[in-house]
C-alpha cells in the first residue's frame, strides 16, 4: 500500500539522516494521519492517500508562487522540493491524448448527453485518474464535450 511505502521512506530518510527529505515526508504523512482522524478511519486506502497527496501538491504550488512573489526565494525553493517529494508517490501523469480518451470513455460508459451529467462524468474520471491529471483541465474538457 502507498501509505506503508510512505512510512518506509520516512524511516529510510531518518536512518540516512536526510533531514530535508524526512521533513517533507513527515508533512505528507501528517496530512494523511489528519484525514484519517477527521474521517475516523483506521487507515486510508490508496485512492484517498492519492487525494491527500494531490491536495498537498496543489497547496505547495500555491505557496511556492506566493513566496516567490513576496521575494522569499528560499521558502519557494523549499516548497518546490516538497512538491517533488510528493510527486514521487503520484502515478505518472496522463498525456493530453490520454485525458481526451478518458473523457470520451466516461461519456460513452455513462451515456452522458448534457451538462446535467457533468458530476457523474467527473466522478467517474476522478476515480480512474486521481493524482495523474489536473481535474480542472478535465472539467474544462468535459464541459466542452457535453456542451457541444
N, C-alpha and C. Protein backbone atom coordinates (compact mmCIF):
# COMPACT_ATOMS: atom_id res chain seq x y z
N UNK A 1 0.83 -1.19 0.00
CA UNK A 1 0.00 0.00 0.00
C UNK A 1 0.87 1.26 0.00
N UNK A 2 0.32 2.30 -0.53
CA UNK A 2 1.03 3.56 -0.65
C UNK A 2 1.36 4.16 0.71
N UNK A 3 0.43 4.05 1.63
CA UNK A 3 0.65 4.59 2.97
C UNK A 3 1.86 3.91 3.62
N UNK A 4 1.97 2.61 3.45
CA UNK A 4 3.10 1.86 4.01
C UNK A 4 4.40 2.27 3.34
N UNK A 5 4.36 2.51 2.04
CA UNK A 5 5.56 2.94 1.32
C UNK A 5 6.06 4.28 1.86
N UNK A 6 5.12 5.18 2.16
CA UNK A 6 5.48 6.48 2.71
C UNK A 6 6.13 6.31 4.09
N UNK A 7 5.55 5.44 4.91
CA UNK A 7 6.12 5.17 6.22
C UNK A 7 7.54 4.60 6.09
N UNK A 8 7.72 3.67 5.17
CA UNK A 8 9.03 3.06 4.96
C UNK A 8 10.05 4.10 4.49
N UNK A 9 9.63 4.99 3.59
CA UNK A 9 10.51 6.04 3.11
C UNK A 9 10.87 7.01 4.23
N UNK A 10 9.93 7.25 5.12
CA UNK A 10 10.18 8.12 6.26
C UNK A 10 11.25 7.51 7.16
N UNK A 11 11.14 6.20 7.40
CA UNK A 11 12.14 5.50 8.22
C UNK A 11 13.50 5.53 7.54
N UNK A 12 13.52 5.33 6.23
CA UNK A 12 14.79 5.33 5.49
C UNK A 12 15.45 6.71 5.54
N UNK A 13 14.66 7.76 5.41
CA UNK A 13 15.21 9.12 5.48
C UNK A 13 15.73 9.42 6.88
N UNK A 14 15.06 8.89 7.89
CA UNK A 14 15.51 9.07 9.27
C UNK A 14 16.85 8.37 9.48
N UNK A 15 16.96 7.14 9.00
CA UNK A 15 18.21 6.38 9.14
C UNK A 15 19.35 7.04 8.36
N UNK A 16 19.03 7.61 7.21
CA UNK A 16 20.05 8.25 6.38
C UNK A 16 20.38 9.67 6.85
N UNK A 17 19.67 10.14 7.87
CA UNK A 17 19.85 11.49 8.41
C UNK A 17 19.63 12.56 7.34
N UNK A 18 18.70 12.31 6.43
CA UNK A 18 18.34 13.26 5.38
C UNK A 18 17.19 14.11 5.92
N UNK A 19 17.55 15.16 6.65
CA UNK A 19 16.55 15.97 7.36
C UNK A 19 15.56 16.64 6.42
N UNK A 20 16.05 17.12 5.31
CA UNK A 20 15.16 17.83 4.37
C UNK A 20 14.10 16.88 3.82
N UNK A 21 14.52 15.72 3.37
CA UNK A 21 13.58 14.73 2.83
C UNK A 21 12.65 14.22 3.94
N UNK A 22 13.21 13.97 5.10
CA UNK A 22 12.41 13.50 6.23
C UNK A 22 11.31 14.50 6.56
N UNK A 23 11.65 15.76 6.58
CA UNK A 23 10.65 16.80 6.87
C UNK A 23 9.53 16.81 5.85
N UNK A 24 9.88 16.67 4.57
CA UNK A 24 8.88 16.66 3.51
C UNK A 24 7.96 15.44 3.63
N UNK A 25 8.54 14.28 3.89
CA UNK A 25 7.74 13.06 4.01
C UNK A 25 6.85 13.13 5.25
N UNK A 26 7.38 13.70 6.32
CA UNK A 26 6.57 13.84 7.54
C UNK A 26 5.36 14.73 7.30
N UNK A 27 5.53 15.77 6.50
CA UNK A 27 4.39 16.63 6.18
C UNK A 27 3.30 15.84 5.45
N UNK A 28 3.71 15.02 4.50
CA UNK A 28 2.75 14.20 3.75
C UNK A 28 2.07 13.22 4.70
N UNK A 29 2.85 12.56 5.52
CA UNK A 29 2.28 11.56 6.43
C UNK A 29 1.35 12.22 7.45
N UNK A 30 1.72 13.41 7.91
CA UNK A 30 0.85 14.13 8.86
C UNK A 30 -0.49 14.48 8.21
N UNK A 31 -0.47 14.85 6.95
CA UNK A 31 -1.72 15.16 6.24
C UNK A 31 -2.58 13.90 6.11
N UNK A 32 -1.94 12.78 5.86
CA UNK A 32 -2.67 11.51 5.76
C UNK A 32 -3.29 11.16 7.11
N UNK A 33 -2.50 11.25 8.17
CA UNK A 33 -3.00 10.94 9.52
C UNK A 33 -4.13 11.88 9.90
N UNK A 34 -4.01 13.16 9.54
CA UNK A 34 -5.06 14.13 9.86
C UNK A 34 -6.37 13.75 9.19
N UNK A 35 -6.30 13.34 7.95
CA UNK A 35 -7.51 12.91 7.23
C UNK A 35 -8.11 11.67 7.88
N UNK A 36 -7.25 10.74 8.31
CA UNK A 36 -7.74 9.54 8.98
C UNK A 36 -8.47 9.90 10.27
N UNK A 37 -7.91 10.83 11.02
CA UNK A 37 -8.53 11.26 12.27
C UNK A 37 -9.85 11.99 11.97
N UNK A 38 -9.82 12.90 11.01
CA UNK A 38 -11.01 13.66 10.66
C UNK A 38 -12.16 12.76 10.23
N UNK A 39 -11.84 11.73 9.45
CA UNK A 39 -12.87 10.84 8.92
C UNK A 39 -13.10 9.61 9.80
N UNK A 40 -12.35 9.53 10.89
CA UNK A 40 -12.44 8.40 11.83
C UNK A 40 -12.28 7.06 11.11
N UNK A 41 -11.22 7.04 10.31
CA UNK A 41 -10.85 5.84 9.56
C UNK A 41 -9.53 5.34 10.13
N UNK A 42 -9.41 4.04 10.30
CA UNK A 42 -8.17 3.50 10.84
C UNK A 42 -7.02 3.73 9.88
N UNK A 43 -7.24 3.44 8.58
CA UNK A 43 -6.18 3.60 7.60
C UNK A 43 -6.81 3.91 6.24
N UNK A 44 -6.34 4.99 5.59
CA UNK A 44 -6.86 5.37 4.28
C UNK A 44 -6.42 4.37 3.22
N UNK A 45 -7.29 4.14 2.23
CA UNK A 45 -6.89 3.31 1.10
C UNK A 45 -6.04 4.14 0.14
N UNK A 46 -5.48 3.49 -0.86
CA UNK A 46 -4.56 4.16 -1.78
C UNK A 46 -5.21 5.34 -2.50
N UNK A 47 -6.47 5.21 -2.90
CA UNK A 47 -7.14 6.29 -3.62
C UNK A 47 -7.24 7.54 -2.75
N UNK A 48 -7.59 7.36 -1.50
CA UNK A 48 -7.71 8.51 -0.59
C UNK A 48 -6.34 9.09 -0.25
N UNK A 49 -5.32 8.23 -0.16
CA UNK A 49 -3.95 8.72 0.06
C UNK A 49 -3.53 9.57 -1.14
N UNK A 50 -3.86 9.12 -2.34
CA UNK A 50 -3.55 9.90 -3.54
C UNK A 50 -4.25 11.25 -3.52
N UNK A 51 -5.49 11.28 -3.04
CA UNK A 51 -6.23 12.54 -2.93
C UNK A 51 -5.49 13.50 -2.00
N UNK A 52 -5.03 12.98 -0.87
CA UNK A 52 -4.31 13.80 0.11
C UNK A 52 -3.02 14.34 -0.51
N UNK A 53 -2.28 13.48 -1.18
CA UNK A 53 -1.00 13.90 -1.78
C UNK A 53 -1.25 14.91 -2.89
N UNK A 54 -2.27 14.67 -3.70
CA UNK A 54 -2.63 15.60 -4.77
C UNK A 54 -2.95 16.98 -4.19
N UNK A 55 -3.67 17.00 -3.10
CA UNK A 55 -4.02 18.26 -2.44
C UNK A 55 -2.76 18.94 -1.92
N UNK A 56 -1.84 18.17 -1.36
CA UNK A 56 -0.58 18.71 -0.86
C UNK A 56 0.21 19.37 -2.00
N UNK A 57 0.21 18.72 -3.16
CA UNK A 57 0.94 19.27 -4.31
C UNK A 57 0.32 20.59 -4.75
N UNK A 58 -1.01 20.63 -4.84
CA UNK A 58 -1.68 21.87 -5.25
C UNK A 58 -1.40 23.00 -4.26
N UNK A 59 -1.47 22.69 -2.97
CA UNK A 59 -1.17 23.70 -1.96
C UNK A 59 0.28 24.15 -2.05
N UNK A 60 1.16 23.22 -2.35
CA UNK A 60 2.58 23.55 -2.48
C UNK A 60 2.83 24.51 -3.64
N UNK A 61 2.17 24.26 -4.78
CA UNK A 61 2.32 25.17 -5.91
C UNK A 61 1.84 26.57 -5.55
N UNK A 62 0.70 26.66 -4.88
CA UNK A 62 0.16 27.97 -4.49
C UNK A 62 1.12 28.67 -3.52
N UNK A 63 1.63 27.93 -2.56
CA UNK A 63 2.55 28.52 -1.58
C UNK A 63 3.84 28.98 -2.24
N UNK A 64 4.39 28.15 -3.12
CA UNK A 64 5.64 28.49 -3.80
C UNK A 64 5.47 29.77 -4.62
N UNK A 65 4.32 29.88 -5.27
CA UNK A 65 4.05 31.09 -6.07
C UNK A 65 3.98 32.32 -5.17
N UNK A 66 3.28 32.19 -4.04
CA UNK A 66 3.17 33.33 -3.13
C UNK A 66 4.53 33.72 -2.55
N UNK A 67 5.33 32.72 -2.17
CA UNK A 67 6.66 33.02 -1.64
C UNK A 67 7.53 33.71 -2.68
N UNK A 68 7.47 33.22 -3.92
CA UNK A 68 8.28 33.82 -4.98
C UNK A 68 7.86 35.27 -5.24
N UNK A 69 6.55 35.52 -5.25
CA UNK A 69 6.06 36.87 -5.47
C UNK A 69 6.44 37.81 -4.33
N UNK A 70 6.59 37.25 -3.12
CA UNK A 70 6.95 38.06 -1.96
C UNK A 70 8.47 38.20 -1.81
N UNK A 71 9.23 37.62 -2.75
CA UNK A 71 10.68 37.73 -2.69
C UNK A 71 11.34 36.79 -1.70
N UNK A 72 10.64 35.74 -1.30
CA UNK A 72 11.18 34.77 -0.35
C UNK A 72 11.57 33.50 -1.10
N UNK A 73 12.62 33.61 -1.89
CA UNK A 73 13.00 32.51 -2.78
C UNK A 73 13.40 31.25 -2.02
N UNK A 74 14.02 31.38 -0.85
CA UNK A 74 14.42 30.19 -0.10
C UNK A 74 13.19 29.37 0.33
N UNK A 75 12.11 30.06 0.69
CA UNK A 75 10.87 29.35 1.04
C UNK A 75 10.21 28.76 -0.20
N UNK A 76 10.27 29.47 -1.31
CA UNK A 76 9.72 28.95 -2.57
C UNK A 76 10.48 27.70 -3.00
N UNK A 77 11.80 27.72 -2.83
CA UNK A 77 12.61 26.55 -3.16
C UNK A 77 12.27 25.35 -2.28
N UNK A 78 12.02 25.61 -0.99
CA UNK A 78 11.65 24.53 -0.08
C UNK A 78 10.30 23.93 -0.49
N UNK A 79 9.34 24.76 -0.84
CA UNK A 79 8.04 24.27 -1.30
C UNK A 79 8.20 23.44 -2.57
N UNK A 80 9.05 23.91 -3.48
CA UNK A 80 9.29 23.18 -4.73
C UNK A 80 9.91 21.82 -4.43
N UNK A 81 10.82 21.76 -3.48
CA UNK A 81 11.43 20.49 -3.08
C UNK A 81 10.35 19.55 -2.52
N UNK A 82 9.49 20.07 -1.65
CA UNK A 82 8.43 19.26 -1.04
C UNK A 82 7.45 18.75 -2.11
N UNK A 83 7.17 19.58 -3.10
CA UNK A 83 6.31 19.15 -4.21
C UNK A 83 6.96 17.97 -4.92
N UNK A 84 8.26 18.05 -5.16
CA UNK A 84 8.98 16.96 -5.82
C UNK A 84 8.90 15.67 -5.04
N UNK A 85 9.03 15.76 -3.72
CA UNK A 85 8.92 14.56 -2.88
C UNK A 85 7.51 13.99 -2.97
N UNK A 86 6.50 14.85 -2.91
CA UNK A 86 5.11 14.39 -3.01
C UNK A 86 4.85 13.70 -4.36
N UNK A 87 5.39 14.26 -5.41
CA UNK A 87 5.15 13.73 -6.74
C UNK A 87 5.76 12.35 -6.94
N UNK A 88 6.73 11.98 -6.10
CA UNK A 88 7.30 10.63 -6.19
C UNK A 88 6.25 9.57 -5.88
N UNK A 89 5.23 9.93 -5.14
CA UNK A 89 4.19 8.98 -4.74
C UNK A 89 2.99 8.99 -5.67
N UNK A 90 2.94 9.96 -6.56
CA UNK A 90 1.83 10.04 -7.51
C UNK A 90 2.15 9.20 -8.74
N UNK A 91 1.14 8.59 -9.34
CA UNK A 91 1.38 7.85 -10.58
C UNK A 91 1.77 8.81 -11.71
N UNK A 92 2.29 8.27 -12.78
CA UNK A 92 2.70 9.08 -13.92
C UNK A 92 1.51 9.87 -14.47
N UNK A 93 1.77 11.11 -14.84
CA UNK A 93 0.72 11.98 -15.35
C UNK A 93 0.23 11.48 -16.72
N UNK A 94 -1.04 11.71 -16.97
CA UNK A 94 -1.63 11.33 -18.25
C UNK A 94 -1.30 12.40 -19.30
N UNK A 95 -1.13 11.97 -20.53
CA UNK A 95 -0.92 12.91 -21.63
C UNK A 95 -2.26 13.52 -22.03
N UNK A 96 -2.21 14.57 -22.84
CA UNK A 96 -3.44 15.22 -23.30
C UNK A 96 -4.31 14.25 -24.09
N UNK A 97 -3.67 13.38 -24.87
CA UNK A 97 -4.42 12.40 -25.66
C UNK A 97 -5.10 11.38 -24.74
N UNK A 98 -4.40 10.96 -23.69
CA UNK A 98 -4.98 10.00 -22.75
C UNK A 98 -6.15 10.62 -21.99
N UNK A 99 -6.03 11.90 -21.65
CA UNK A 99 -7.12 12.59 -20.96
C UNK A 99 -8.34 12.68 -21.87
N UNK A 100 -8.11 13.03 -23.14
CA UNK A 100 -9.23 13.11 -24.10
C UNK A 100 -9.89 11.75 -24.26
N UNK A 101 -9.10 10.70 -24.32
CA UNK A 101 -9.65 9.35 -24.45
C UNK A 101 -10.43 8.96 -23.20
N UNK A 102 -9.95 9.36 -22.04
CA UNK A 102 -10.63 9.06 -20.78
C UNK A 102 -11.97 9.79 -20.71
N UNK A 103 -12.00 11.03 -21.17
CA UNK A 103 -13.25 11.79 -21.21
C UNK A 103 -14.24 11.11 -22.14
N UNK A 104 -13.76 10.72 -23.32
CA UNK A 104 -14.63 10.02 -24.28
C UNK A 104 -15.18 8.73 -23.67
N UNK A 105 -14.32 7.98 -23.01
CA UNK A 105 -14.72 6.72 -22.42
C UNK A 105 -15.76 6.94 -21.32
N UNK A 106 -15.56 7.95 -20.49
CA UNK A 106 -16.51 8.25 -19.42
C UNK A 106 -17.87 8.62 -19.98
N UNK A 107 -17.88 9.48 -20.98
CA UNK A 107 -19.15 9.92 -21.59
C UNK A 107 -19.87 8.73 -22.22
N UNK A 108 -19.14 7.88 -22.90
CA UNK A 108 -19.72 6.70 -23.53
C UNK A 108 -20.25 5.72 -22.49
N UNK A 109 -19.42 5.39 -21.50
CA UNK A 109 -19.81 4.41 -20.48
C UNK A 109 -21.03 4.84 -19.69
N UNK A 110 -21.12 6.14 -19.41
CA UNK A 110 -22.21 6.64 -18.57
C UNK A 110 -23.41 7.12 -19.39
N UNK A 111 -23.25 7.15 -20.70
CA UNK A 111 -24.34 7.62 -21.56
C UNK A 111 -24.65 9.09 -21.34
N UNK A 112 -23.63 9.87 -21.02
CA UNK A 112 -23.82 11.30 -20.74
C UNK A 112 -24.16 12.04 -22.03
N UNK A 113 -25.16 12.91 -21.93
CA UNK A 113 -25.59 13.65 -23.11
C UNK A 113 -25.68 15.15 -22.88
N UNK A 114 -25.70 15.59 -21.63
CA UNK A 114 -25.87 17.02 -21.36
C UNK A 114 -25.06 17.44 -20.14
N UNK A 115 -25.07 18.74 -19.85
CA UNK A 115 -24.35 19.27 -18.71
C UNK A 115 -24.89 18.72 -17.39
N UNK A 116 -26.10 18.21 -17.40
CA UNK A 116 -26.66 17.62 -16.17
C UNK A 116 -25.89 16.36 -15.76
N UNK A 117 -25.19 15.77 -16.70
CA UNK A 117 -24.42 14.56 -16.43
C UNK A 117 -22.98 14.86 -16.02
N UNK A 118 -22.65 16.13 -15.92
CA UNK A 118 -21.27 16.55 -15.63
C UNK A 118 -20.73 15.92 -14.35
N UNK A 119 -21.48 15.94 -13.27
CA UNK A 119 -20.97 15.42 -12.00
C UNK A 119 -20.73 13.91 -12.07
N UNK A 120 -21.58 13.17 -12.77
CA UNK A 120 -21.36 11.73 -12.93
C UNK A 120 -20.08 11.47 -13.69
N UNK A 121 -19.88 12.21 -14.77
CA UNK A 121 -18.68 12.03 -15.61
C UNK A 121 -17.42 12.38 -14.81
N UNK A 122 -17.45 13.50 -14.11
CA UNK A 122 -16.28 13.92 -13.33
C UNK A 122 -15.98 12.92 -12.22
N UNK A 123 -17.00 12.40 -11.57
CA UNK A 123 -16.79 11.41 -10.52
C UNK A 123 -16.13 10.15 -11.06
N UNK A 124 -16.59 9.71 -12.22
CA UNK A 124 -16.02 8.50 -12.83
C UNK A 124 -14.56 8.74 -13.21
N UNK A 125 -14.28 9.89 -13.83
CA UNK A 125 -12.92 10.20 -14.24
C UNK A 125 -12.01 10.33 -13.02
N UNK A 126 -12.51 10.96 -11.97
CA UNK A 126 -11.70 11.12 -10.76
C UNK A 126 -11.31 9.77 -10.18
N UNK A 127 -12.23 8.82 -10.21
CA UNK A 127 -11.92 7.50 -9.67
C UNK A 127 -10.88 6.77 -10.53
N UNK A 128 -10.82 7.09 -11.80
CA UNK A 128 -9.89 6.44 -12.72
C UNK A 128 -8.53 7.11 -12.79
N UNK A 129 -8.48 8.44 -12.55
CA UNK A 129 -7.26 9.18 -12.83
C UNK A 129 -6.76 10.03 -11.66
N UNK A 130 -7.20 9.76 -10.45
CA UNK A 130 -6.80 10.57 -9.30
C UNK A 130 -5.28 10.65 -9.20
N UNK A 131 -4.79 11.89 -9.09
CA UNK A 131 -3.36 12.09 -8.93
C UNK A 131 -2.57 12.06 -10.21
N UNK A 132 -3.22 11.74 -11.33
CA UNK A 132 -2.48 11.65 -12.59
C UNK A 132 -2.84 12.76 -13.55
N UNK A 133 -3.79 13.61 -13.16
CA UNK A 133 -4.24 14.66 -14.07
C UNK A 133 -4.82 15.82 -13.26
N UNK A 134 -4.70 17.02 -13.81
CA UNK A 134 -5.31 18.20 -13.19
C UNK A 134 -6.81 18.15 -13.47
N UNK A 135 -7.58 17.98 -12.42
CA UNK A 135 -9.03 17.83 -12.59
C UNK A 135 -9.68 19.10 -13.14
N UNK A 136 -9.04 20.25 -12.96
CA UNK A 136 -9.56 21.49 -13.54
C UNK A 136 -9.53 21.44 -15.06
N UNK A 137 -8.45 20.92 -15.61
CA UNK A 137 -8.33 20.77 -17.06
C UNK A 137 -9.33 19.75 -17.58
N UNK A 138 -9.53 18.68 -16.81
CA UNK A 138 -10.50 17.66 -17.19
C UNK A 138 -11.90 18.26 -17.21
N UNK A 139 -12.21 19.05 -16.20
CA UNK A 139 -13.52 19.69 -16.12
C UNK A 139 -13.80 20.55 -17.35
N UNK A 140 -12.80 21.29 -17.77
CA UNK A 140 -12.94 22.12 -18.98
C UNK A 140 -13.23 21.24 -20.20
N UNK A 141 -12.48 20.15 -20.33
CA UNK A 141 -12.67 19.24 -21.46
C UNK A 141 -14.04 18.59 -21.44
N UNK A 142 -14.51 18.21 -20.26
CA UNK A 142 -15.84 17.58 -20.16
C UNK A 142 -16.92 18.60 -20.53
N UNK A 143 -16.78 19.83 -20.04
CA UNK A 143 -17.76 20.88 -20.36
C UNK A 143 -17.84 21.10 -21.87
N UNK A 144 -16.69 21.16 -22.52
CA UNK A 144 -16.66 21.36 -23.97
C UNK A 144 -17.37 20.22 -24.70
N UNK A 145 -17.11 18.99 -24.25
CA UNK A 145 -17.72 17.83 -24.90
C UNK A 145 -19.22 17.77 -24.68
N UNK A 146 -19.66 18.06 -23.46
CA UNK A 146 -21.10 17.94 -23.16
C UNK A 146 -21.89 19.13 -23.70
N UNK A 147 -21.23 20.28 -23.85
CA UNK A 147 -21.94 21.46 -24.36
C UNK A 147 -22.07 21.41 -25.88
N UNK A 148 -21.12 20.76 -26.54
CA UNK A 148 -21.14 20.84 -27.99
C UNK A 148 -21.46 19.54 -28.58
